[in-house]
Amino acid sequence: MQGKHLYEYAILRIVPRVEREEFINVGVLVCCKKEDFLMCRISMDLKKLKAMDPDADVALFESYLESLEQICQGKDNGSPIALQDAASRFRWLTANRSSMIQTSQPHGGFSDDLEATLEELYSLFVA
């Protein structure tokens, strides 16, 4: 993938107690429609999660994040969303919802290397 690529990204968040509207950044999604590119980088900080909600169901969050990662990768996991093109999956993943897994509003940019950009954004917002 050479040259400048127009991309969008969103920050993936866990909201352990939706009524409190507090969240933990746990990942980044990067999408480039022209390249049919959608990748994510995810990691959950258990100390932060337990600090916000000592009773948080870690296994439940892990399963949600695993499912999200499979949809992002386009793996056929029984979800019809996973079979859509990268841009459609990105739109579905970043749709506004009031749930324990949310994303920021999408933001845009230009990149010479989409995978490197994913790593840079992950370092900036999650690590």
N, C-alpha and C. Protein backbone atom coordinates (compact mmCIF):
# COMPACT_ATOMS: atom_id res chain seq x y z
N MET A 1 0.83 -1.17 0.00
CA MET A 1 0.00 0.00 0.00
C MET A 1 0.89 1.24 0.00
N GLN A 2 1.14 1.76 -1.17
CA GLN A 2 1.98 2.94 -1.31
C GLN A 2 1.13 4.19 -1.50
N GLY A 3 1.68 5.35 -1.15
CA GLY A 3 0.99 6.61 -1.34
C GLY A 3 0.12 6.98 -0.16
N LYS A 4 -0.49 8.14 -0.26
CA LYS A 4 -1.36 8.63 0.81
C LYS A 4 -2.72 7.95 0.73
N HIS A 5 -3.15 7.44 1.85
CA HIS A 5 -4.46 6.79 1.94
C HIS A 5 -5.34 7.60 2.88
N LEU A 6 -6.53 7.93 2.41
CA LEU A 6 -7.53 8.54 3.27
C LEU A 6 -8.08 7.43 4.16
N TYR A 7 -8.05 7.65 5.47
CA TYR A 7 -8.54 6.62 6.40
C TYR A 7 -9.41 7.25 7.45
N GLU A 8 -10.16 6.41 8.14
CA GLU A 8 -10.92 6.81 9.30
C GLU A 8 -10.50 5.92 10.46
N TYR A 9 -10.61 6.46 11.66
CA TYR A 9 -10.33 5.65 12.83
C TYR A 9 -11.32 5.98 13.92
N ALA A 10 -11.48 5.05 14.84
CA ALA A 10 -12.31 5.25 16.02
C ALA A 10 -11.64 4.55 17.19
N ILE A 11 -11.83 5.12 18.37
CA ILE A 11 -11.29 4.52 19.60
C ILE A 11 -12.35 3.60 20.17
N LEU A 12 -11.95 2.39 20.50
CA LEU A 12 -12.83 1.39 21.08
C LEU A 12 -12.79 1.52 22.60
N ARG A 13 -13.97 1.51 23.21
CA ARG A 13 -14.08 1.74 24.66
C ARG A 13 -14.91 0.67 25.33
N ILE A 14 -14.54 0.37 26.57
CA ILE A 14 -15.37 -0.43 27.45
C ILE A 14 -16.04 0.53 28.43
N VAL A 15 -17.34 0.35 28.60
CA VAL A 15 -18.11 1.16 29.54
C VAL A 15 -18.70 0.18 30.56
N PRO A 16 -17.95 -0.08 31.64
CA PRO A 16 -18.39 -1.14 32.57
C PRO A 16 -19.74 -0.88 33.22
N ARG A 17 -20.04 0.37 33.49
CA ARG A 17 -21.34 0.72 34.08
C ARG A 17 -21.91 1.87 33.26
N VAL A 18 -22.74 1.51 32.29
CA VAL A 18 -23.24 2.46 31.30
C VAL A 18 -23.88 3.68 31.96
N GLU A 19 -24.57 3.46 33.06
CA GLU A 19 -25.26 4.58 33.72
C GLU A 19 -24.30 5.64 34.24
N ARG A 20 -23.04 5.27 34.47
CA ARG A 20 -22.05 6.24 34.96
C ARG A 20 -21.32 6.95 33.82
N GLU A 21 -21.42 6.42 32.62
CA GLU A 21 -20.80 6.99 31.42
C GLU A 21 -19.28 7.12 31.51
N GLU A 22 -18.65 6.31 32.34
CA GLU A 22 -17.19 6.27 32.43
C GLU A 22 -16.70 5.16 31.50
N PHE A 23 -15.54 5.38 30.89
CA PHE A 23 -15.05 4.37 29.95
C PHE A 23 -13.54 4.22 30.05
N ILE A 24 -13.09 3.10 29.48
CA ILE A 24 -11.66 2.79 29.37
C ILE A 24 -11.38 2.56 27.88
N ASN A 25 -10.39 3.25 27.34
CA ASN A 25 -9.97 2.98 25.96
C ASN A 25 -9.29 1.62 25.90
N VAL A 26 -9.77 0.76 25.01
CA VAL A 26 -9.20 -0.60 24.91
C VAL A 26 -8.72 -0.94 23.51
N GLY A 27 -8.93 -0.06 22.55
CA GLY A 27 -8.48 -0.39 21.21
C GLY A 27 -8.71 0.72 20.22
N VAL A 28 -8.26 0.46 19.00
CA VAL A 28 -8.39 1.39 17.88
C VAL A 28 -8.81 0.59 16.65
N LEU A 29 -9.74 1.16 15.89
CA LEU A 29 -10.16 0.62 14.60
C LEU A 29 -9.68 1.58 13.52
N VAL A 30 -9.08 1.07 12.46
CA VAL A 30 -8.66 1.90 11.33
C VAL A 30 -9.25 1.30 10.06
N CYS A 31 -9.88 2.18 9.26
CA CYS A 31 -10.54 1.74 8.02
C CYS A 31 -10.12 2.63 6.86
N CYS A 32 -9.85 2.00 5.73
CA CYS A 32 -9.60 2.71 4.47
C CYS A 32 -10.50 2.07 3.42
N LYS A 33 -11.55 2.76 3.04
CA LYS A 33 -12.52 2.22 2.10
C LYS A 33 -11.88 1.85 0.76
N LYS A 34 -11.04 2.74 0.23
CA LYS A 34 -10.42 2.51 -1.08
C LYS A 34 -9.60 1.21 -1.11
N GLU A 35 -8.94 0.91 0.00
CA GLU A 35 -8.10 -0.30 0.08
C GLU A 35 -8.86 -1.50 0.64
N ASP A 36 -10.16 -1.34 0.96
CA ASP A 36 -10.95 -2.37 1.62
C ASP A 36 -10.19 -2.88 2.86
N PHE A 37 -9.70 -1.92 3.63
CA PHE A 37 -8.83 -2.19 4.78
C PHE A 37 -9.60 -1.88 6.06
N LEU A 38 -9.63 -2.84 6.97
CA LEU A 38 -10.14 -2.62 8.31
C LEU A 38 -9.34 -3.49 9.26
N MET A 39 -8.67 -2.83 10.20
CA MET A 39 -7.89 -3.55 11.21
C MET A 39 -8.15 -2.93 12.57
N CYS A 40 -7.92 -3.72 13.59
CA CYS A 40 -8.03 -3.19 14.95
C CYS A 40 -6.88 -3.72 15.78
N ARG A 41 -6.61 -3.00 16.84
CA ARG A 41 -5.65 -3.44 17.85
C ARG A 41 -6.35 -3.24 19.18
N ILE A 42 -6.42 -4.31 19.96
CA ILE A 42 -7.21 -4.31 21.19
C ILE A 42 -6.40 -4.89 22.33
N SER A 43 -6.51 -4.25 23.50
CA SER A 43 -5.99 -4.84 24.74
C SER A 43 -6.78 -4.23 25.89
N MET A 44 -7.10 -5.05 26.86
CA MET A 44 -7.90 -4.60 27.99
C MET A 44 -7.04 -4.55 29.24
N ASP A 45 -7.02 -3.40 29.89
CA ASP A 45 -6.28 -3.21 31.14
C ASP A 45 -7.18 -3.66 32.30
N LEU A 46 -6.92 -4.85 32.82
CA LEU A 46 -7.77 -5.41 33.87
C LEU A 46 -7.75 -4.58 35.15
N LYS A 47 -6.61 -3.97 35.47
CA LYS A 47 -6.55 -3.13 36.67
C LYS A 47 -7.48 -1.93 36.56
N LYS A 48 -7.49 -1.29 35.39
CA LYS A 48 -8.39 -0.15 35.19
C LYS A 48 -9.85 -0.60 35.24
N LEU A 49 -10.12 -1.72 34.59
CA LEU A 49 -11.49 -2.23 34.57
C LEU A 49 -11.98 -2.51 35.99
N LYS A 50 -11.18 -3.21 36.78
CA LYS A 50 -11.57 -3.56 38.15
C LYS A 50 -11.64 -2.33 39.05
N ALA A 51 -10.83 -1.30 38.74
CA ALA A 51 -10.91 -0.06 39.52
C ALA A 51 -12.24 0.65 39.27
N MET A 52 -12.71 0.60 38.04
CA MET A 52 -13.99 1.25 37.71
C MET A 52 -15.18 0.42 38.16
N ASP A 53 -15.03 -0.91 38.11
CA ASP A 53 -16.13 -1.79 38.49
C ASP A 53 -15.56 -3.09 39.03
N PRO A 54 -15.42 -3.19 40.35
CA PRO A 54 -14.83 -4.41 40.94
C PRO A 54 -15.60 -5.68 40.60
N ASP A 55 -16.88 -5.55 40.25
CA ASP A 55 -17.69 -6.72 39.91
C ASP A 55 -17.80 -6.97 38.41
N ALA A 56 -16.99 -6.30 37.61
CA ALA A 56 -17.05 -6.44 36.16
C ALA A 56 -16.83 -7.90 35.76
N ASP A 57 -17.59 -8.34 34.79
CA ASP A 57 -17.49 -9.70 34.26
C ASP A 57 -16.42 -9.70 33.16
N VAL A 58 -15.20 -10.00 33.54
CA VAL A 58 -14.07 -9.95 32.61
C VAL A 58 -14.27 -10.90 31.44
N ALA A 59 -14.75 -12.09 31.69
CA ALA A 59 -14.96 -13.08 30.62
C ALA A 59 -15.97 -12.56 29.60
N LEU A 60 -16.99 -11.88 30.06
CA LEU A 60 -17.99 -11.31 29.16
C LEU A 60 -17.36 -10.25 28.27
N PHE A 61 -16.58 -9.34 28.85
CA PHE A 61 -15.91 -8.31 28.05
C PHE A 61 -14.94 -8.95 27.05
N GLU A 62 -14.21 -9.95 27.48
CA GLU A 62 -13.27 -10.63 26.57
C GLU A 62 -14.02 -11.25 25.39
N SER A 63 -15.18 -11.86 25.65
CA SER A 63 -15.93 -12.48 24.56
C SER A 63 -16.49 -11.42 23.61
N TYR A 64 -16.96 -10.29 24.15
CA TYR A 64 -17.43 -9.19 23.29
C TYR A 64 -16.31 -8.67 22.41
N LEU A 65 -15.14 -8.46 23.01
CA LEU A 65 -14.01 -7.93 22.24
C LEU A 65 -13.52 -8.93 21.20
N GLU A 66 -13.56 -10.21 21.52
CA GLU A 66 -13.16 -11.24 20.54
C GLU A 66 -14.13 -11.24 19.36
N SER A 67 -15.41 -11.14 19.64
CA SER A 67 -16.41 -11.09 18.57
C SER A 67 -16.21 -9.86 17.70
N LEU A 68 -15.97 -8.73 18.33
CA LEU A 68 -15.72 -7.49 17.60
C LEU A 68 -14.48 -7.63 16.71
N GLU A 69 -13.44 -8.24 17.23
CA GLU A 69 -12.22 -8.43 16.45
C GLU A 69 -12.47 -9.33 15.24
N GLN A 70 -13.28 -10.37 15.41
CA GLN A 70 -13.61 -11.26 14.30
C GLN A 70 -14.41 -10.53 13.23
N ILE A 71 -15.35 -9.69 13.65
CA ILE A 71 -16.12 -8.89 12.68
C ILE A 71 -15.17 -7.94 11.95
N CYS A 72 -14.28 -7.31 12.68
CA CYS A 72 -13.31 -6.40 12.09
C CYS A 72 -12.48 -7.12 11.02
N GLN A 73 -12.06 -8.34 11.29
CA GLN A 73 -11.24 -9.12 10.37
C GLN A 73 -12.04 -9.74 9.24
N GLY A 74 -13.36 -9.67 9.32
CA GLY A 74 -14.20 -10.27 8.28
C GLY A 74 -14.30 -11.77 8.39
N LYS A 75 -14.05 -12.33 9.57
CA LYS A 75 -14.14 -13.77 9.77
C LYS A 75 -15.61 -14.18 9.87
N ASP A 76 -15.96 -15.25 9.19
CA ASP A 76 -17.33 -15.74 9.22
C ASP A 76 -17.58 -16.42 10.56
N ASN A 77 -18.12 -15.66 11.49
CA ASN A 77 -18.40 -16.17 12.83
C ASN A 77 -19.89 -16.31 13.08
N GLY A 78 -20.65 -16.37 11.99
CA GLY A 78 -22.10 -16.47 12.11
C GLY A 78 -22.79 -15.13 12.06
N SER A 79 -22.02 -14.04 12.05
CA SER A 79 -22.60 -12.70 11.97
C SER A 79 -22.64 -12.26 10.51
N PRO A 80 -23.82 -11.86 10.02
CA PRO A 80 -23.87 -11.36 8.64
C PRO A 80 -23.04 -10.09 8.44
N ILE A 81 -22.81 -9.36 9.51
CA ILE A 81 -22.00 -8.14 9.42
C ILE A 81 -20.57 -8.48 9.01
N ALA A 82 -20.04 -9.58 9.52
CA ALA A 82 -18.66 -9.98 9.24
C ALA A 82 -18.43 -10.24 7.76
N LEU A 83 -19.49 -10.48 7.00
CA LEU A 83 -19.36 -10.80 5.58
C LEU A 83 -19.43 -9.56 4.69
N GLN A 84 -19.66 -8.40 5.27
CA GLN A 84 -19.74 -7.14 4.51
C GLN A 84 -18.34 -6.64 4.17
N ASP A 85 -18.27 -5.63 3.30
CA ASP A 85 -16.97 -5.04 2.99
C ASP A 85 -16.44 -4.26 4.20
N ALA A 86 -15.18 -3.88 4.15
CA ALA A 86 -14.51 -3.25 5.30
C ALA A 86 -15.23 -1.97 5.74
N ALA A 87 -15.61 -1.12 4.79
CA ALA A 87 -16.26 0.14 5.15
C ALA A 87 -17.61 -0.10 5.83
N SER A 88 -18.37 -1.07 5.35
CA SER A 88 -19.66 -1.38 5.97
C SER A 88 -19.47 -1.94 7.38
N ARG A 89 -18.47 -2.79 7.56
CA ARG A 89 -18.19 -3.31 8.91
C ARG A 89 -17.78 -2.18 9.85
N PHE A 90 -16.95 -1.25 9.35
CA PHE A 90 -16.53 -0.10 10.17
C PHE A 90 -17.74 0.72 10.58
N ARG A 91 -18.64 1.01 9.65
CA ARG A 91 -19.84 1.78 9.96
C ARG A 91 -20.69 1.08 11.02
N TRP A 92 -20.83 -0.22 10.90
CA TRP A 92 -21.61 -0.97 11.89
C TRP A 92 -20.93 -0.93 13.25
N LEU A 93 -19.61 -1.14 13.27
CA LEU A 93 -18.88 -1.16 14.54
C LEU A 93 -18.89 0.20 15.23
N THR A 94 -18.95 1.28 14.46
CA THR A 94 -18.88 2.62 15.05
C THR A 94 -20.26 3.28 15.21
N ALA A 95 -21.31 2.55 14.94
CA ALA A 95 -22.66 3.11 15.12
C ALA A 95 -22.88 3.45 16.60
N ASN A 96 -23.55 4.58 16.84
CA ASN A 96 -23.85 4.97 18.23
C ASN A 96 -24.71 3.92 18.91
N ARG A 97 -24.31 3.58 20.12
CA ARG A 97 -25.11 2.64 20.90
C ARG A 97 -24.85 2.89 22.38
N SER A 98 -25.82 2.52 23.16
CA SER A 98 -25.70 2.63 24.61
C SER A 98 -25.48 1.23 25.14
N SER A 99 -24.24 0.81 25.12
CA SER A 99 -23.91 -0.54 25.57
C SER A 99 -22.55 -0.52 26.27
N MET A 100 -22.11 -1.66 26.69
CA MET A 100 -20.84 -1.76 27.42
C MET A 100 -19.64 -1.68 26.50
N ILE A 101 -19.83 -1.84 25.19
CA ILE A 101 -18.77 -1.68 24.20
C ILE A 101 -19.20 -0.54 23.28
N GLN A 102 -18.40 0.53 23.23
CA GLN A 102 -18.72 1.70 22.42
C GLN A 102 -17.47 2.16 21.68
N THR A 103 -17.67 3.07 20.73
CA THR A 103 -16.54 3.69 20.04
C THR A 103 -16.70 5.20 20.10
N SER A 104 -15.59 5.87 19.89
CA SER A 104 -15.64 7.32 19.72
C SER A 104 -16.29 7.61 18.37
N GLN A 105 -16.54 8.86 18.11
CA GLN A 105 -16.95 9.26 16.77
C GLN A 105 -15.77 9.00 15.83
N PRO A 106 -16.01 8.59 14.59
CA PRO A 106 -14.91 8.41 13.65
C PRO A 106 -14.19 9.72 13.35
N HIS A 107 -12.89 9.62 13.15
CA HIS A 107 -12.04 10.74 12.79
C HIS A 107 -11.29 10.34 11.52
N GLY A 108 -10.82 11.30 10.76
CA GLY A 108 -10.14 10.99 9.51
C GLY A 108 -8.71 11.45 9.48
N GLY A 109 -8.00 10.98 8.48
CA GLY A 109 -6.62 11.37 8.29
C GLY A 109 -6.07 10.79 7.01
N PHE A 110 -4.80 11.05 6.76
CA PHE A 110 -4.09 10.49 5.61
C PHE A 110 -2.89 9.72 6.12
N SER A 111 -2.59 8.62 5.45
CA SER A 111 -1.48 7.76 5.89
C SER A 111 -0.75 7.17 4.70
N ASP A 112 0.57 7.06 4.84
CA ASP A 112 1.37 6.33 3.86
C ASP A 112 1.38 4.84 4.17
N ASP A 113 1.16 4.49 5.45
CA ASP A 113 1.23 3.10 5.90
C ASP A 113 0.12 2.88 6.94
N LEU A 114 -0.95 2.24 6.51
CA LEU A 114 -2.13 2.09 7.37
C LEU A 114 -1.85 1.26 8.63
N GLU A 115 -1.06 0.20 8.50
CA GLU A 115 -0.74 -0.61 9.67
C GLU A 115 0.11 0.17 10.67
N ALA A 116 1.05 0.95 10.19
CA ALA A 116 1.87 1.79 11.08
C ALA A 116 0.99 2.84 11.75
N THR A 117 0.04 3.39 11.01
CA THR A 117 -0.88 4.37 11.58
C THR A 117 -1.71 3.74 12.69
N LEU A 118 -2.17 2.53 12.49
CA LEU A 118 -2.91 1.81 13.53
C LEU A 118 -2.06 1.72 14.80
N GLU A 119 -0.81 1.35 14.66
CA GLU A 119 0.08 1.22 15.82
C GLU A 119 0.30 2.58 16.50
N GLU A 120 0.47 3.63 15.71
CA GLU A 120 0.66 4.97 16.27
C GLU A 120 -0.57 5.41 17.07
N LEU A 121 -1.74 5.20 16.50
CA LEU A 121 -2.98 5.58 17.19
C LEU A 121 -3.19 4.76 18.45
N TYR A 122 -2.86 3.48 18.38
CA TYR A 122 -2.97 2.61 19.55
C TYR A 122 -2.05 3.13 20.68
N SER A 123 -0.82 3.46 20.33
CA SER A 123 0.12 3.97 21.32
C SER A 123 -0.36 5.29 21.92
N LEU A 124 -0.95 6.13 21.09
CA LEU A 124 -1.41 7.43 21.54
C LEU A 124 -2.63 7.35 22.46
N PHE A 125 -3.59 6.50 22.11
CA PHE A 125 -4.88 6.50 22.81
C PHE A 125 -5.12 5.35 23.77
N VAL A 126 -4.35 4.27 23.65
CA VAL A 126 -4.64 3.08 24.48
C VAL A 126 -3.47 2.67 25.36
N ALA A 127 -2.30 2.55 24.79
CA ALA A 127 -1.14 2.00 25.51
C ALA A 127 -0.71 2.89 26.65
